Amino acid sequence: MLVLKIERWGFIMLDFTWKVFSQTGNIDTYLLFKELEKDNHEIPGIQDEELASLDSPIS
């Protein structure tokens, strides 16, 4: 159960960080997003579909 909570928290952080980056274009936020993304790949069980849903065009 703890692993599920960690996975969900990681996804929430990825989602939030991506939304902030997409609205601001701040490179530091993007680098944080990439670091969090890398860390989430190290935790088994993260679904690629969840990460792919974060990809959206920047307008």
C-alpha atoms as a PDB file:
ATOM      1  CA  MET A   1       0.000   0.000   0.000  1.00  0.00           C
ATOM      2  CA  LEU A   2       2.874   2.375   0.764  1.00  0.00           C
ATOM      3  CA  VAL A   3       4.293   1.882  -2.735  1.00  0.00           C
ATOM      4  CA  LEU A   4       0.944   2.884  -4.252  1.00  0.00           C
ATOM      5  CA  LYS A   5       0.902   6.078  -2.180  1.00  0.00           C
ATOM      6  CA  ILE A   6       4.464   6.885  -3.245  1.00  0.00           C
ATOM      7  CA  GLU A   7       3.592   6.244  -6.895  1.00  0.00           C
ATOM      8  CA  ARG A   8       0.492   8.425  -6.698  1.00  0.00           C
ATOM      9  CA  TRP A   9       2.415  11.223  -4.964  1.00  0.00           C
ATOM     10  CA  GLY A  10       5.100  11.058  -7.630  1.00  0.00           C
ATOM     11  CA  PHE A  11       2.496  11.298 -10.370  1.00  0.00           C
ATOM     12  CA  ILE A  12       0.840  14.274  -8.679  1.00  0.00           C
ATOM     13  CA  MET A  13       4.202  16.032  -8.415  1.00  0.00           C
ATOM     14  CA  LEU A  14       4.957  15.317 -12.073  1.00  0.00           C
ATOM     15  CA  ASP A  15       1.568  16.612 -13.146  1.00  0.00           C
ATOM     16  CA  PHE A  16       1.856  19.776 -11.056  1.00  0.00           C
ATOM     17  CA  THR A  17       5.419  20.476 -12.171  1.00  0.00           C
ATOM     18  CA  TRP A  18       4.503  20.000 -15.842  1.00  0.00           C
ATOM     19  CA  LYS A  19       1.512  22.337 -15.533  1.00  0.00           C
ATOM     20  CA  VAL A  20       3.666  25.028 -13.916  1.00  0.00           C
ATOM     21  CA  PHE A  21       6.300  24.650 -16.647  1.00  0.00           C
ATOM     22  CA  SER A  22       3.745  24.716 -19.452  1.00  0.00           C
ATOM     23  CA  GLN A  23       2.269  27.948 -18.097  1.00  0.00           C
ATOM     24  CA  THR A  24       5.531  29.728 -17.263  1.00  0.00           C
ATOM     25  CA  GLY A  25       8.156  28.228 -19.572  1.00  0.00           C
ATOM     26  CA  ASN A  26      10.593  28.345 -16.646  1.00  0.00           C
ATOM     27  CA  ILE A  27      13.612  26.174 -17.464  1.00  0.00           C
ATOM     28  CA  ASP A  28      14.270  25.381 -13.794  1.00  0.00           C
ATOM     29  CA  THR A  29      10.761  23.967 -13.507  1.00  0.00           C
ATOM     30  CA  TYR A  30      11.383  21.837 -16.595  1.00  0.00           C
ATOM     31  CA  LEU A  31      14.631  20.520 -15.132  1.00  0.00           C
ATOM     32  CA  LEU A  32      12.792  19.681 -11.910  1.00  0.00           C
ATOM     33  CA  PHE A  33      10.154  17.864 -13.971  1.00  0.00           C
ATOM     34  CA  LYS A  34      12.836  15.798 -15.730  1.00  0.00           C
ATOM     35  CA  GLU A  35      14.492  14.951 -12.409  1.00  0.00           C
ATOM     36  CA  LEU A  36      11.171  13.848 -10.900  1.00  0.00           C
ATOM     37  CA  GLU A  37      10.397  11.858 -14.052  1.00  0.00           C
ATOM     38  CA  LYS A  38      13.749  10.065 -13.780  1.00  0.00           C
ATOM     39  CA  ASP A  39      13.138   9.308 -10.101  1.00  0.00           C
ATOM     40  CA  ASN A  40       9.679   7.917 -10.881  1.00  0.00           C
ATOM     41  CA  HIS A  41      11.127   5.521 -13.456  1.00  0.00           C
ATOM     42  CA  GLU A  42      13.272   4.072 -10.701  1.00  0.00           C
ATOM     43  CA  ILE A  43      10.148   3.173  -8.682  1.00  0.00           C
ATOM     44  CA  PRO A  44       8.635  -0.041 -10.076  1.00  0.00           C
ATOM     45  CA  GLY A  45       4.995   0.099 -11.060  1.00  0.00           C
ATOM     46  CA  ILE A  46       4.747   3.607 -12.534  1.00  0.00           C
ATOM     47  CA  GLN A  47       2.558   3.345 -15.598  1.00  0.00           C
ATOM     48  CA  ASP A  48       3.853   4.797 -18.860  1.00  0.00           C
ATOM     49  CA  GLU A  49       0.305   5.816 -19.768  1.00  0.00           C
ATOM     50  CA  GLU A  50       0.226   8.146 -16.766  1.00  0.00           C
ATOM     51  CA  LEU A  51       3.478   9.783 -17.807  1.00  0.00           C
ATOM     52  CA  ALA A  52       2.387  10.003 -21.432  1.00  0.00           C
ATOM     53  CA  SER A  53      -0.780  11.801 -20.407  1.00  0.00           C
ATOM     54  CA  LEU A  54       1.417  14.669 -19.202  1.00  0.00           C
ATOM     55  CA  ASP A  55       2.685  15.328 -22.717  1.00  0.00           C
ATOM     56  CA  SER A  56       0.719  18.154 -24.218  1.00  0.00           C
ATOM     57  CA  PRO A  57       1.626  20.881 -26.658  1.00  0.00           C
ATOM     58  CA  ILE A  58       2.821  24.154 -25.216  1.00  0.00           C
ATOM     59  CA  SER A  59       0.692  27.008 -26.434  1.00  0.00           C
END
